[in-house]
Amino acid sequence: MLKPETIPGVAAAENGLVMLDGPVGLAIAMTPEAAAETGRRLIAAAEIAATQVATKATDELPLD
């Protein structure tokens, strides 16, 4: 399994494109529409993942 990255990427607008620079040399250029949809999908996935982490932490609480 890949180690999850903890450093967020950096997004910038250049010449009508959205550039996303991430760790370990990750770089991608997207149209504004693709970037916007990617952003929505990332936020939705992040919300689900945060819920999964919270649920797992609750499931591991000791039963007193």
N, C-alpha and C. Protein backbone atom coordinates (compact mmCIF):
# COMPACT_ATOMS: atom_id res chain seq x y z
N MET A 1 0.85 -1.19 0.00
CA MET A 1 0.00 0.00 0.00
C MET A 1 0.88 1.24 0.00
N LEU A 2 0.49 2.23 -0.75
CA LEU A 2 1.23 3.49 -0.80
C LEU A 2 1.07 4.25 0.50
N LYS A 3 2.13 4.96 0.88
CA LYS A 3 2.05 5.81 2.07
C LYS A 3 1.26 7.06 1.68
N PRO A 4 0.24 7.42 2.43
CA PRO A 4 -0.55 8.60 2.07
C PRO A 4 0.26 9.88 2.27
N GLU A 5 0.08 10.81 1.37
CA GLU A 5 0.77 12.09 1.44
C GLU A 5 0.08 13.00 2.45
N THR A 6 0.84 13.72 3.22
CA THR A 6 0.29 14.63 4.22
C THR A 6 0.47 16.09 3.83
N ILE A 7 1.23 16.34 2.77
CA ILE A 7 1.46 17.70 2.30
C ILE A 7 0.52 17.98 1.14
N PRO A 8 -0.31 19.02 1.25
CA PRO A 8 -1.24 19.32 0.17
C PRO A 8 -0.54 19.86 -1.06
N GLY A 9 -1.18 19.69 -2.20
CA GLY A 9 -0.66 20.24 -3.44
C GLY A 9 -0.92 21.74 -3.51
N VAL A 10 -0.29 22.38 -4.48
CA VAL A 10 -0.45 23.82 -4.69
C VAL A 10 -1.06 24.02 -6.07
N ALA A 11 -2.16 24.76 -6.10
CA ALA A 11 -2.84 25.03 -7.37
C ALA A 11 -2.62 26.48 -7.78
N ALA A 12 -2.46 26.70 -9.08
CA ALA A 12 -2.29 28.05 -9.61
C ALA A 12 -2.94 28.13 -10.98
N ALA A 13 -3.41 29.32 -11.32
CA ALA A 13 -3.97 29.57 -12.65
C ALA A 13 -2.90 30.22 -13.51
N GLU A 14 -2.64 29.62 -14.68
CA GLU A 14 -1.64 30.14 -15.60
C GLU A 14 -2.14 30.01 -17.03
N ASN A 15 -2.24 31.12 -17.71
CA ASN A 15 -2.61 31.13 -19.13
C ASN A 15 -3.90 30.37 -19.41
N GLY A 16 -4.89 30.51 -18.54
CA GLY A 16 -6.18 29.86 -18.76
C GLY A 16 -6.25 28.41 -18.36
N LEU A 17 -5.20 27.89 -17.73
CA LEU A 17 -5.19 26.51 -17.25
C LEU A 17 -4.96 26.51 -15.75
N VAL A 18 -5.34 25.43 -15.12
CA VAL A 18 -5.07 25.25 -13.69
C VAL A 18 -3.92 24.27 -13.58
N MET A 19 -2.88 24.71 -12.90
CA MET A 19 -1.69 23.89 -12.68
C MET A 19 -1.73 23.37 -11.24
N LEU A 20 -1.54 22.08 -11.07
CA LEU A 20 -1.48 21.48 -9.75
C LEU A 20 -0.10 20.88 -9.56
N ASP A 21 0.63 21.40 -8.58
CA ASP A 21 1.95 20.89 -8.24
C ASP A 21 1.85 20.20 -6.89
N GLY A 22 2.35 18.99 -6.84
CA GLY A 22 2.30 18.23 -5.60
C GLY A 22 3.67 17.73 -5.22
N PRO A 23 3.71 16.95 -4.16
CA PRO A 23 4.98 16.42 -3.70
C PRO A 23 5.56 15.39 -4.67
N VAL A 24 6.80 15.12 -4.54
CA VAL A 24 7.53 14.12 -5.31
C VAL A 24 7.41 14.37 -6.82
N GLY A 25 7.39 15.64 -7.21
CA GLY A 25 7.40 15.96 -8.63
C GLY A 25 6.07 15.86 -9.34
N LEU A 26 4.98 15.63 -8.62
CA LEU A 26 3.67 15.55 -9.25
C LEU A 26 3.32 16.90 -9.87
N ALA A 27 2.93 16.90 -11.12
CA ALA A 27 2.50 18.12 -11.79
C ALA A 27 1.47 17.75 -12.84
N ILE A 28 0.40 18.55 -12.89
CA ILE A 28 -0.65 18.29 -13.87
C ILE A 28 -1.28 19.63 -14.27
N ALA A 29 -1.65 19.72 -15.54
CA ALA A 29 -2.36 20.89 -16.05
C ALA A 29 -3.76 20.45 -16.43
N MET A 30 -4.75 21.26 -16.05
CA MET A 30 -6.15 20.93 -16.33
C MET A 30 -6.88 22.15 -16.86
N THR A 31 -7.92 21.89 -17.62
CA THR A 31 -8.81 22.99 -17.99
C THR A 31 -9.53 23.45 -16.73
N PRO A 32 -10.05 24.67 -16.75
CA PRO A 32 -10.80 25.13 -15.57
C PRO A 32 -11.96 24.19 -15.21
N GLU A 33 -12.62 23.67 -16.22
CA GLU A 33 -13.76 22.77 -15.96
C GLU A 33 -13.30 21.47 -15.31
N ALA A 34 -12.23 20.90 -15.83
CA ALA A 34 -11.71 19.65 -15.25
C ALA A 34 -11.20 19.89 -13.83
N ALA A 35 -10.56 21.01 -13.61
CA ALA A 35 -10.05 21.32 -12.27
C ALA A 35 -11.19 21.50 -11.28
N ALA A 36 -12.24 22.19 -11.69
CA ALA A 36 -13.39 22.40 -10.80
C ALA A 36 -14.04 21.07 -10.42
N GLU A 37 -14.24 20.20 -11.41
CA GLU A 37 -14.85 18.90 -11.12
C GLU A 37 -13.93 18.05 -10.26
N THR A 38 -12.63 18.10 -10.52
CA THR A 38 -11.67 17.37 -9.70
C THR A 38 -11.73 17.87 -8.26
N GLY A 39 -11.82 19.17 -8.09
CA GLY A 39 -11.93 19.75 -6.75
C GLY A 39 -13.17 19.25 -6.02
N ARG A 40 -14.30 19.23 -6.71
CA ARG A 40 -15.53 18.73 -6.09
C ARG A 40 -15.38 17.26 -5.68
N ARG A 41 -14.78 16.47 -6.56
CA ARG A 41 -14.60 15.04 -6.27
C ARG A 41 -13.62 14.82 -5.12
N LEU A 42 -12.56 15.63 -5.07
CA LEU A 42 -11.61 15.52 -3.96
C LEU A 42 -12.27 15.85 -2.63
N ILE A 43 -13.06 16.91 -2.60
CA ILE A 43 -13.75 17.29 -1.37
C ILE A 43 -14.71 16.19 -0.94
N ALA A 44 -15.48 15.65 -1.86
CA ALA A 44 -16.42 14.57 -1.53
C ALA A 44 -15.68 13.35 -0.98
N ALA A 45 -14.59 12.97 -1.63
CA ALA A 45 -13.83 11.80 -1.17
C ALA A 45 -13.18 12.07 0.18
N ALA A 46 -12.69 13.30 0.40
CA ALA A 46 -12.08 13.65 1.68
C ALA A 46 -13.10 13.57 2.81
N GLU A 47 -14.32 14.01 2.56
CA GLU A 47 -15.37 13.94 3.58
C GLU A 47 -15.68 12.48 3.93
N ILE A 48 -15.77 11.62 2.93
CA ILE A 48 -16.03 10.20 3.19
C ILE A 48 -14.87 9.58 3.96
N ALA A 49 -13.64 9.87 3.54
CA ALA A 49 -12.46 9.31 4.21
C ALA A 49 -12.39 9.77 5.67
N ALA A 50 -12.69 11.03 5.93
CA ALA A 50 -12.67 11.53 7.31
C ALA A 50 -13.71 10.82 8.16
N THR A 51 -14.87 10.53 7.59
CA THR A 51 -15.90 9.79 8.31
C THR A 51 -15.42 8.37 8.60
N GLN A 52 -14.75 7.76 7.65
CA GLN A 52 -14.24 6.40 7.85
C GLN A 52 -13.22 6.37 8.97
N VAL A 53 -12.34 7.36 9.03
CA VAL A 53 -11.32 7.44 10.08
C VAL A 53 -12.01 7.63 11.43
N ALA A 54 -13.00 8.52 11.49
CA ALA A 54 -13.71 8.78 12.74
C ALA A 54 -14.46 7.53 13.20
N THR A 55 -15.09 6.82 12.28
CA THR A 55 -15.81 5.60 12.61
C THR A 55 -14.85 4.54 13.13
N LYS A 56 -13.72 4.39 12.49
CA LYS A 56 -12.73 3.41 12.93
C LYS A 56 -12.24 3.74 14.34
N ALA A 57 -11.98 5.02 14.62
CA ALA A 57 -11.51 5.42 15.94
C ALA A 57 -12.58 5.12 17.00
N THR A 58 -13.84 5.35 16.67
CA THR A 58 -14.93 5.08 17.59
C THR A 58 -15.07 3.58 17.83
N ASP A 59 -14.91 2.79 16.78
CA ASP A 59 -15.01 1.32 16.90
C ASP A 59 -13.91 0.74 17.78
N GLU A 60 -12.79 1.44 17.88
CA GLU A 60 -11.65 0.91 18.64
C GLU A 60 -11.63 1.38 20.10
N LEU A 61 -12.64 2.17 20.52
CA LEU A 61 -12.69 2.63 21.89
C LEU A 61 -12.93 1.44 22.84
N PRO A 62 -12.27 1.44 24.00
CA PRO A 62 -12.50 0.34 24.94
C PRO A 62 -13.92 0.39 25.50
N LEU A 63 -14.45 -0.76 25.74
CA LEU A 63 -15.80 -0.85 26.33
C LEU A 63 -15.66 -0.92 27.84
N ASP A 64 -16.00 0.14 28.53
CA ASP A 64 -15.90 0.18 30.00
C ASP A 64 -17.17 -0.25 30.66
